[in-house]
Amino acid sequence: AGSFDPNKNTTGTETYYRSIKGKAFSDRVN
């Protein structure tokens, strides 16, 4: 949340990870 859609630049999906193993899953899901 927090886009308020003023210029349509704050949209989309993002995935966070902490470890190397998490990165592999994060990359695939994202």
PDB file of all heavy atoms in Angstrom:
ATOM      1  N   ALA A   1       0.853  -1.189   0.000  1.00  0.00           N
ATOM      2  CA  ALA A   1       0.000   0.000   0.000  1.00  0.00           C
ATOM      3  C   ALA A   1       0.888   1.237   0.000  1.00  0.00           C
ATOM      4  O   ALA A   1       2.062   1.156   0.342  1.00  0.00           O
ATOM      5  CB  ALA A   1      -0.919   0.010   1.219  1.00  0.00           C
ATOM      6  N   GLY A   2       0.303   2.331  -0.385  1.00  0.00           N
ATOM      7  CA  GLY A   2       1.046   3.587  -0.357  1.00  0.00           C
ATOM      8  C   GLY A   2       1.244   4.195  -1.721  1.00  0.00           C
ATOM      9  O   GLY A   2       1.978   5.155  -1.873  1.00  0.00           O
ATOM     10  N   SER A   3       0.578   3.671  -2.726  1.00  0.00           N
ATOM     11  CA  SER A   3       0.794   4.201  -4.076  1.00  0.00           C
ATOM     12  C   SER A   3      -0.028   5.457  -4.324  1.00  0.00           C
ATOM     13  O   SER A   3       0.449   6.386  -4.939  1.00  0.00           O
ATOM     14  CB  SER A   3       0.442   3.149  -5.124  1.00  0.00           C
ATOM     15  OG  SER A   3      -0.954   2.994  -5.231  1.00  0.00           O
ATOM     16  N   PHE A   4      -1.260   5.462  -3.894  1.00  0.00           N
ATOM     17  CA  PHE A   4      -2.202   6.560  -4.132  1.00  0.00           C
ATOM     18  C   PHE A   4      -2.336   6.887  -5.617  1.00  0.00           C
ATOM     19  O   PHE A   4      -2.947   7.861  -5.986  1.00  0.00           O
ATOM     20  CB  PHE A   4      -1.842   7.811  -3.321  1.00  0.00           C
ATOM     21  CG  PHE A   4      -1.722   7.510  -1.862  1.00  0.00           C
ATOM     22  CD1 PHE A   4      -0.496   7.527  -1.239  1.00  0.00           C
ATOM     23  CD2 PHE A   4      -2.841   7.181  -1.120  1.00  0.00           C
ATOM     24  CE1 PHE A   4      -0.378   7.229   0.099  1.00  0.00           C
ATOM     25  CE2 PHE A   4      -2.727   6.874   0.232  1.00  0.00           C
ATOM     26  CZ  PHE A   4      -1.498   6.906   0.839  1.00  0.00           C
ATOM     27  N   ASP A   5      -1.726   6.094  -6.467  1.00  0.00           N
ATOM     28  CA  ASP A   5      -1.884   6.140  -7.916  1.00  0.00           C
ATOM     29  C   ASP A   5      -1.712   7.520  -8.550  1.00  0.00           C
ATOM     30  O   ASP A   5      -2.382   7.835  -9.511  1.00  0.00           O
ATOM     31  CB  ASP A   5      -3.251   5.559  -8.282  1.00  0.00           C
ATOM     32  CG  ASP A   5      -3.242   4.944  -9.668  1.00  0.00           C
ATOM     33  OD1 ASP A   5      -2.200   4.452 -10.115  1.00  0.00           O
ATOM     34  OD2 ASP A   5      -4.295   4.967 -10.317  1.00  0.00           O
ATOM     35  N   PRO A   6      -0.801   8.385  -8.075  1.00  0.00           N
ATOM     36  CA  PRO A   6      -0.673   9.711  -8.683  1.00  0.00           C
ATOM     37  C   PRO A   6      -0.063   9.678 -10.080  1.00  0.00           C
ATOM     38  O   PRO A   6      -0.449  10.457 -10.938  1.00  0.00           O
ATOM     39  CB  PRO A   6       0.232  10.474  -7.720  1.00  0.00           C
ATOM     40  CG  PRO A   6       1.058   9.402  -7.090  1.00  0.00           C
ATOM     41  CD  PRO A   6       0.148   8.195  -7.005  1.00  0.00           C
ATOM     42  N   ASN A   7       0.876   8.770 -10.304  1.00  0.00           N
ATOM     43  CA  ASN A   7       1.546   8.745 -11.606  1.00  0.00           C
ATOM     44  C   ASN A   7       1.695   7.325 -12.145  1.00  0.00           C
ATOM     45  O   ASN A   7       2.410   7.107 -13.114  1.00  0.00           O
ATOM     46  CB  ASN A   7       2.928   9.389 -11.498  1.00  0.00           C
ATOM     47  CG  ASN A   7       3.765   8.741 -10.419  1.00  0.00           C
ATOM     48  OD1 ASN A   7       3.440   7.647  -9.948  1.00  0.00           O
ATOM     49  ND2 ASN A   7       4.825   9.392 -10.005  1.00  0.00           N
ATOM     50  N   LYS A   8       1.058   6.390 -11.505  1.00  0.00           N
ATOM     51  CA  LYS A   8       1.054   4.975 -11.910  1.00  0.00           C
ATOM     52  C   LYS A   8       2.443   4.342 -11.889  1.00  0.00           C
ATOM     53  O   LYS A   8       2.664   3.321 -12.510  1.00  0.00           O
ATOM     54  CB  LYS A   8       0.394   4.810 -13.273  1.00  0.00           C
ATOM     55  CG  LYS A   8      -1.036   5.269 -13.282  1.00  0.00           C
ATOM     56  CD  LYS A   8      -1.679   5.030 -14.612  1.00  0.00           C
ATOM     57  CE  LYS A   8      -3.098   5.555 -14.543  1.00  0.00           C
ATOM     58  NZ  LYS A   8      -3.829   5.419 -15.745  1.00  0.00           N
ATOM     59  N   ASN A   9       3.396   4.925 -11.182  1.00  0.00           N
ATOM     60  CA  ASN A   9       4.722   4.339 -11.072  1.00  0.00           C
ATOM     61  C   ASN A   9       4.859   3.440  -9.857  1.00  0.00           C
ATOM     62  O   ASN A   9       5.763   2.632  -9.784  1.00  0.00           O
ATOM     63  CB  ASN A   9       5.801   5.433 -11.008  1.00  0.00           C
ATOM     64  CG  ASN A   9       5.985   6.093 -12.349  1.00  0.00           C
ATOM     65  OD1 ASN A   9       5.786   5.491 -13.382  1.00  0.00           O
ATOM     66  ND2 ASN A   9       6.364   7.361 -12.325  1.00  0.00           N
ATOM     67  N   THR A  10       3.986   3.597  -8.879  1.00  0.00           N
ATOM     68  CA  THR A  10       4.074   2.790  -7.668  1.00  0.00           C
ATOM     69  C   THR A  10       3.046   1.672  -7.767  1.00  0.00           C
ATOM     70  O   THR A  10       1.980   1.732  -7.181  1.00  0.00           O
ATOM     71  CB  THR A  10       3.840   3.647  -6.417  1.00  0.00           C
ATOM     72  OG1 THR A  10       4.655   4.802  -6.504  1.00  0.00           O
ATOM     73  CG2 THR A  10       4.218   2.890  -5.168  1.00  0.00           C
ATOM     74  N   THR A  11       3.382   0.680  -8.557  1.00  0.00           N
ATOM     75  CA  THR A  11       2.529  -0.488  -8.748  1.00  0.00           C
ATOM     76  C   THR A  11       3.418  -1.715  -8.772  1.00  0.00           C
ATOM     77  O   THR A  11       4.637  -1.614  -8.819  1.00  0.00           O
ATOM     78  CB  THR A  11       1.763  -0.405 -10.080  1.00  0.00           C
ATOM     79  OG1 THR A  11       2.693  -0.454 -11.159  1.00  0.00           O
ATOM     80  CG2 THR A  11       0.933   0.851 -10.186  1.00  0.00           C
ATOM     81  N   GLY A  12       2.816  -2.859  -8.754  1.00  0.00           N
ATOM     82  CA  GLY A  12       3.567  -4.072  -9.014  1.00  0.00           C
ATOM     83  C   GLY A  12       3.817  -4.969  -7.829  1.00  0.00           C
ATOM     84  O   GLY A  12       3.320  -4.754  -6.728  1.00  0.00           O
ATOM     85  N   THR A  13       4.619  -5.983  -8.101  1.00  0.00           N
ATOM     86  CA  THR A  13       4.930  -7.018  -7.126  1.00  0.00           C
ATOM     87  C   THR A  13       6.414  -6.993  -6.781  1.00  0.00           C
ATOM     88  O   THR A  13       7.247  -6.657  -7.625  1.00  0.00           O
ATOM     89  CB  THR A  13       4.533  -8.405  -7.678  1.00  0.00           C
ATOM     90  OG1 THR A  13       4.662  -9.377  -6.661  1.00  0.00           O
ATOM     91  CG2 THR A  13       5.344  -8.807  -8.881  1.00  0.00           C
ATOM     92  N   GLU A  14       6.715  -7.315  -5.540  1.00  0.00           N
ATOM     93  CA  GLU A  14       8.108  -7.437  -5.100  1.00  0.00           C
ATOM     94  C   GLU A  14       8.181  -8.537  -4.058  1.00  0.00           C
ATOM     95  O   GLU A  14       7.223  -8.787  -3.341  1.00  0.00           O
ATOM     96  CB  GLU A  14       8.663  -6.120  -4.569  1.00  0.00           C
ATOM     97  CG  GLU A  14       7.880  -5.514  -3.442  1.00  0.00           C
ATOM     98  CD  GLU A  14       8.248  -4.069  -3.167  1.00  0.00           C
ATOM     99  OE1 GLU A  14       9.181  -3.543  -3.771  1.00  0.00           O
ATOM    100  OE2 GLU A  14       7.575  -3.459  -2.331  1.00  0.00           O
ATOM    101  N   THR A  15       9.322  -9.205  -4.018  1.00  0.00           N
ATOM    102  CA  THR A  15       9.507 -10.323  -3.109  1.00  0.00           C
ATOM    103  C   THR A  15      10.831 -10.147  -2.390  1.00  0.00           C
ATOM    104  O   THR A  15      11.849  -9.871  -3.019  1.00  0.00           O
ATOM    105  CB  THR A  15       9.497 -11.652  -3.887  1.00  0.00           C
ATOM    106  OG1 THR A  15       8.343 -11.685  -4.729  1.00  0.00           O
ATOM    107  CG2 THR A  15       9.451 -12.834  -2.950  1.00  0.00           C
ATOM    108  N   TYR A  16      10.797 -10.291  -1.064  1.00  0.00           N
ATOM    109  CA  TYR A  16      11.995 -10.098  -0.239  1.00  0.00           C
ATOM    110  C   TYR A  16      12.508 -11.431   0.286  1.00  0.00           C
ATOM    111  O   TYR A  16      11.735 -12.345   0.558  1.00  0.00           O
ATOM    112  CB  TYR A  16      11.680  -9.185   0.949  1.00  0.00           C
ATOM    113  CG  TYR A  16      11.418  -7.770   0.537  1.00  0.00           C
ATOM    114  CD1 TYR A  16      10.130  -7.329   0.272  1.00  0.00           C
ATOM    115  CD2 TYR A  16      12.461  -6.870   0.406  1.00  0.00           C
ATOM    116  CE1 TYR A  16       9.890  -6.026  -0.119  1.00  0.00           C
ATOM    117  CE2 TYR A  16      12.233  -5.557   0.021  1.00  0.00           C
ATOM    118  CZ  TYR A  16      10.941  -5.149  -0.244  1.00  0.00           C
ATOM    119  OH  TYR A  16      10.706  -3.862  -0.629  1.00  0.00           O
ATOM    120  N   TYR A  17      13.812 -11.523   0.445  1.00  0.00           N
ATOM    121  CA  TYR A  17      14.462 -12.711   0.984  1.00  0.00           C
ATOM    122  C   TYR A  17      15.585 -12.286   1.913  1.00  0.00           C
ATOM    123  O   TYR A  17      16.004 -11.138   1.912  1.00  0.00           O
ATOM    124  CB  TYR A  17      15.031 -13.584  -0.148  1.00  0.00           C
ATOM    125  CG  TYR A  17      16.101 -12.891  -0.951  1.00  0.00           C
ATOM    126  CD1 TYR A  17      17.437 -12.997  -0.598  1.00  0.00           C
ATOM    127  CD2 TYR A  17      15.773 -12.096  -2.041  1.00  0.00           C
ATOM    128  CE1 TYR A  17      18.429 -12.331  -1.318  1.00  0.00           C
ATOM    129  CE2 TYR A  17      16.746 -11.433  -2.762  1.00  0.00           C
ATOM    130  CZ  TYR A  17      18.064 -11.559  -2.403  1.00  0.00           C
ATOM    131  OH  TYR A  17      19.044 -10.899  -3.103  1.00  0.00           O
ATOM    132  N   ARG A  18      16.079 -13.227   2.705  1.00  0.00           N
ATOM    133  CA  ARG A  18      17.176 -12.927   3.622  1.00  0.00           C
ATOM    134  C   ARG A  18      18.395 -13.802   3.343  1.00  0.00           C
ATOM    135  O   ARG A  18      19.516 -13.363   3.437  1.00  0.00           O
ATOM    136  CB  ARG A  18      16.708 -13.119   5.056  1.00  0.00           C
ATOM    137  CG  ARG A  18      17.683 -12.633   6.082  1.00  0.00           C
ATOM    138  CD  ARG A  18      16.972 -12.462   7.417  1.00  0.00           C
ATOM    139  NE  ARG A  18      17.885 -12.048   8.437  1.00  0.00           N
ATOM    140  CZ  ARG A  18      18.239 -10.788   8.650  1.00  0.00           C
ATOM    141  NH1 ARG A  18      17.757  -9.831   7.908  1.00  0.00           N
ATOM    142  NH2 ARG A  18      19.082 -10.496   9.612  1.00  0.00           N
ATOM    143  N   SER A  19      18.186 -15.056   2.961  1.00  0.00           N
ATOM    144  CA  SER A  19      19.297 -15.987   2.774  1.00  0.00           C
ATOM    145  C   SER A  19      19.476 -16.327   1.289  1.00  0.00           C
ATOM    146  O   SER A  19      18.605 -16.046   0.468  1.00  0.00           O
ATOM    147  CB  SER A  19      19.030 -17.276   3.549  1.00  0.00           C
ATOM    148  OG  SER A  19      17.936 -17.968   2.971  1.00  0.00           O
ATOM    149  N   ILE A  20      20.573 -16.975   0.979  1.00  0.00           N
ATOM    150  CA  ILE A  20      20.827 -17.419  -0.395  1.00  0.00           C
ATOM    151  C   ILE A  20      19.747 -18.405  -0.846  1.00  0.00           C
ATOM    152  O   ILE A  20      19.242 -18.317  -1.966  1.00  0.00           O
ATOM    153  CB  ILE A  20      22.230 -18.072  -0.511  1.00  0.00           C
ATOM    154  CG1 ILE A  20      23.314 -17.051  -0.211  1.00  0.00           C
ATOM    155  CG2 ILE A  20      22.440 -18.697  -1.869  1.00  0.00           C
ATOM    156  CD1 ILE A  20      23.379 -15.895  -1.172  1.00  0.00           C
ATOM    157  N   LYS A  21      19.385 -19.335   0.029  1.00  0.00           N
ATOM    158  CA  LYS A  21      18.332 -20.288  -0.311  1.00  0.00           C
ATOM    159  C   LYS A  21      17.007 -19.559  -0.524  1.00  0.00           C
ATOM    160  O   LYS A  21      16.254 -19.876  -1.443  1.00  0.00           O
ATOM    161  CB  LYS A  21      18.190 -21.342   0.788  1.00  0.00           C
ATOM    162  CG  LYS A  21      17.273 -22.464   0.412  1.00  0.00           C
ATOM    163  CD  LYS A  21      17.279 -23.555   1.469  1.00  0.00           C
ATOM    164  CE  LYS A  21      16.378 -24.696   1.050  1.00  0.00           C
ATOM    165  NZ  LYS A  21      16.303 -25.736   2.064  1.00  0.00           N
ATOM    166  N   GLY A  22      16.714 -18.571   0.306  1.00  0.00           N
ATOM    167  CA  GLY A  22      15.505 -17.777   0.142  1.00  0.00           C
ATOM    168  C   GLY A  22      15.503 -17.010  -1.167  1.00  0.00           C
ATOM    169  O   GLY A  22      14.460 -16.832  -1.795  1.00  0.00           O
ATOM    170  N   LYS A  23      16.681 -16.562  -1.606  1.00  0.00           N
ATOM    171  CA  LYS A  23      16.782 -15.814  -2.859  1.00  0.00           C
ATOM    172  C   LYS A  23      16.300 -16.638  -4.046  1.00  0.00           C
ATOM    173  O   LYS A  23      15.581 -16.136  -4.914  1.00  0.00           O
ATOM    174  CB  LYS A  23      18.208 -15.334  -3.100  1.00  0.00           C
ATOM    175  CG  LYS A  23      18.349 -14.518  -4.384  1.00  0.00           C
ATOM    176  CD  LYS A  23      19.777 -14.102  -4.649  1.00  0.00           C
ATOM    177  CE  LYS A  23      19.966 -13.214  -5.851  1.00  0.00           C
ATOM    178  NZ  LYS A  23      19.110 -13.408  -7.003  1.00  0.00           N
ATOM    179  N   ALA A  24      16.666 -17.906  -4.081  1.00  0.00           N
ATOM    180  CA  ALA A  24      16.244 -18.771  -5.189  1.00  0.00           C
ATOM    181  C   ALA A  24      14.723 -18.848  -5.264  1.00  0.00           C
ATOM    182  O   ALA A  24      14.139 -18.740  -6.350  1.00  0.00           O
ATOM    183  CB  ALA A  24      16.850 -20.161  -5.027  1.00  0.00           C
ATOM    184  N   PHE A  25      14.067 -19.007  -4.128  1.00  0.00           N
ATOM    185  CA  PHE A  25      12.610 -19.055  -4.103  1.00  0.00           C
ATOM    186  C   PHE A  25      12.009 -17.691  -4.418  1.00  0.00           C
ATOM    187  O   PHE A  25      11.027 -17.585  -5.138  1.00  0.00           O
ATOM    188  CB  PHE A  25      12.120 -19.567  -2.745  1.00  0.00           C
ATOM    189  CG  PHE A  25      12.353 -21.024  -2.560  1.00  0.00           C
ATOM    190  CD1 PHE A  25      13.425 -21.479  -1.815  1.00  0.00           C
ATOM    191  CD2 PHE A  25      11.503 -21.959  -3.134  1.00  0.00           C
ATOM    192  CE1 PHE A  25      13.653 -22.827  -1.644  1.00  0.00           C
ATOM    193  CE2 PHE A  25      11.719 -23.316  -2.970  1.00  0.00           C
ATOM    194  CZ  PHE A  25      12.804 -23.755  -2.227  1.00  0.00           C
ATOM    195  N   SER A  26      12.593 -16.656  -3.870  1.00  0.00           N
ATOM    196  CA  SER A  26      12.126 -15.294  -4.113  1.00  0.00           C
ATOM    197  C   SER A  26      12.160 -14.962  -5.602  1.00  0.00           C
ATOM    198  O   SER A  26      11.205 -14.418  -6.156  1.00  0.00           O
ATOM    199  CB  SER A  26      12.992 -14.306  -3.325  1.00  0.00           C
ATOM    200  OG  SER A  26      12.612 -12.990  -3.573  1.00  0.00           O
ATOM    201  N   ASP A  27      13.251 -15.308  -6.254  1.00  0.00           N
ATOM    202  CA  ASP A  27      13.388 -15.042  -7.691  1.00  0.00           C
ATOM    203  C   ASP A  27      12.299 -15.759  -8.487  1.00  0.00           C
ATOM    204  O   ASP A  27      11.699 -15.173  -9.389  1.00  0.00           O
ATOM    205  CB  ASP A  27      14.766 -15.478  -8.199  1.00  0.00           C
ATOM    206  CG  ASP A  27      15.901 -14.606  -7.692  1.00  0.00           C
ATOM    207  OD1 ASP A  27      15.644 -13.511  -7.148  1.00  0.00           O
ATOM    208  OD2 ASP A  27      17.066 -15.035  -7.847  1.00  0.00           O
ATOM    209  N   ARG A  28      12.042 -17.017  -8.137  1.00  0.00           N
ATOM    210  CA  ARG A  28      11.039 -17.791  -8.874  1.00  0.00           C
ATOM    211  C   ARG A  28       9.631 -17.264  -8.659  1.00  0.00           C
ATOM    212  O   ARG A  28       8.858 -17.126  -9.611  1.00  0.00           O
ATOM    213  CB  ARG A  28      11.123 -19.261  -8.470  1.00  0.00           C
ATOM    214  CG  ARG A  28      12.375 -19.928  -9.013  1.00  0.00           C
ATOM    215  CD  ARG A  28      12.594 -21.332  -8.530  1.00  0.00           C
ATOM    216  NE  ARG A  28      11.472 -22.203  -8.767  1.00  0.00           N
ATOM    217  CZ  ARG A  28      11.266 -23.339  -8.103  1.00  0.00           C
ATOM    218  NH1 ARG A  28      12.116 -23.719  -7.177  1.00  0.00           N
ATOM    219  NH2 ARG A  28      10.225 -24.092  -8.378  1.00  0.00           N
ATOM    220  N   VAL A  29       9.286 -16.974  -7.421  1.00  0.00           N
ATOM    221  CA  VAL A  29       7.952 -16.457  -7.121  1.00  0.00           C
ATOM    222  C   VAL A  29       7.750 -15.100  -7.785  1.00  0.00           C
ATOM    223  O   VAL A  29       6.724 -14.840  -8.412  1.00  0.00           O
ATOM    224  CB  VAL A  29       7.718 -16.370  -5.594  1.00  0.00           C
ATOM    225  CG1 VAL A  29       6.475 -15.562  -5.263  1.00  0.00           C
ATOM    226  CG2 VAL A  29       7.631 -17.761  -4.993  1.00  0.00           C
ATOM    227  N   ASN A  30       8.741 -14.230  -7.659  1.00  0.00           N
ATOM    228  CA  ASN A  30       8.620 -12.896  -8.237  1.00  0.00           C
ATOM    229  C   ASN A  30       8.515 -12.962  -9.758  1.00  0.00           C
ATOM    230  O   ASN A  30       7.743 -12.214 -10.364  1.00  0.00           O
ATOM    231  CB  ASN A  30       9.790 -12.013  -7.818  1.00  0.00           C
ATOM    232  CG  ASN A  30       9.463 -10.558  -7.988  1.00  0.00           C
ATOM    233  OD1 ASN A  30       8.732  -9.989  -7.186  1.00  0.00           O
ATOM    234  ND2 ASN A  30       9.974  -9.942  -9.048  1.00  0.00           N
TER     235      ASN A  30
END
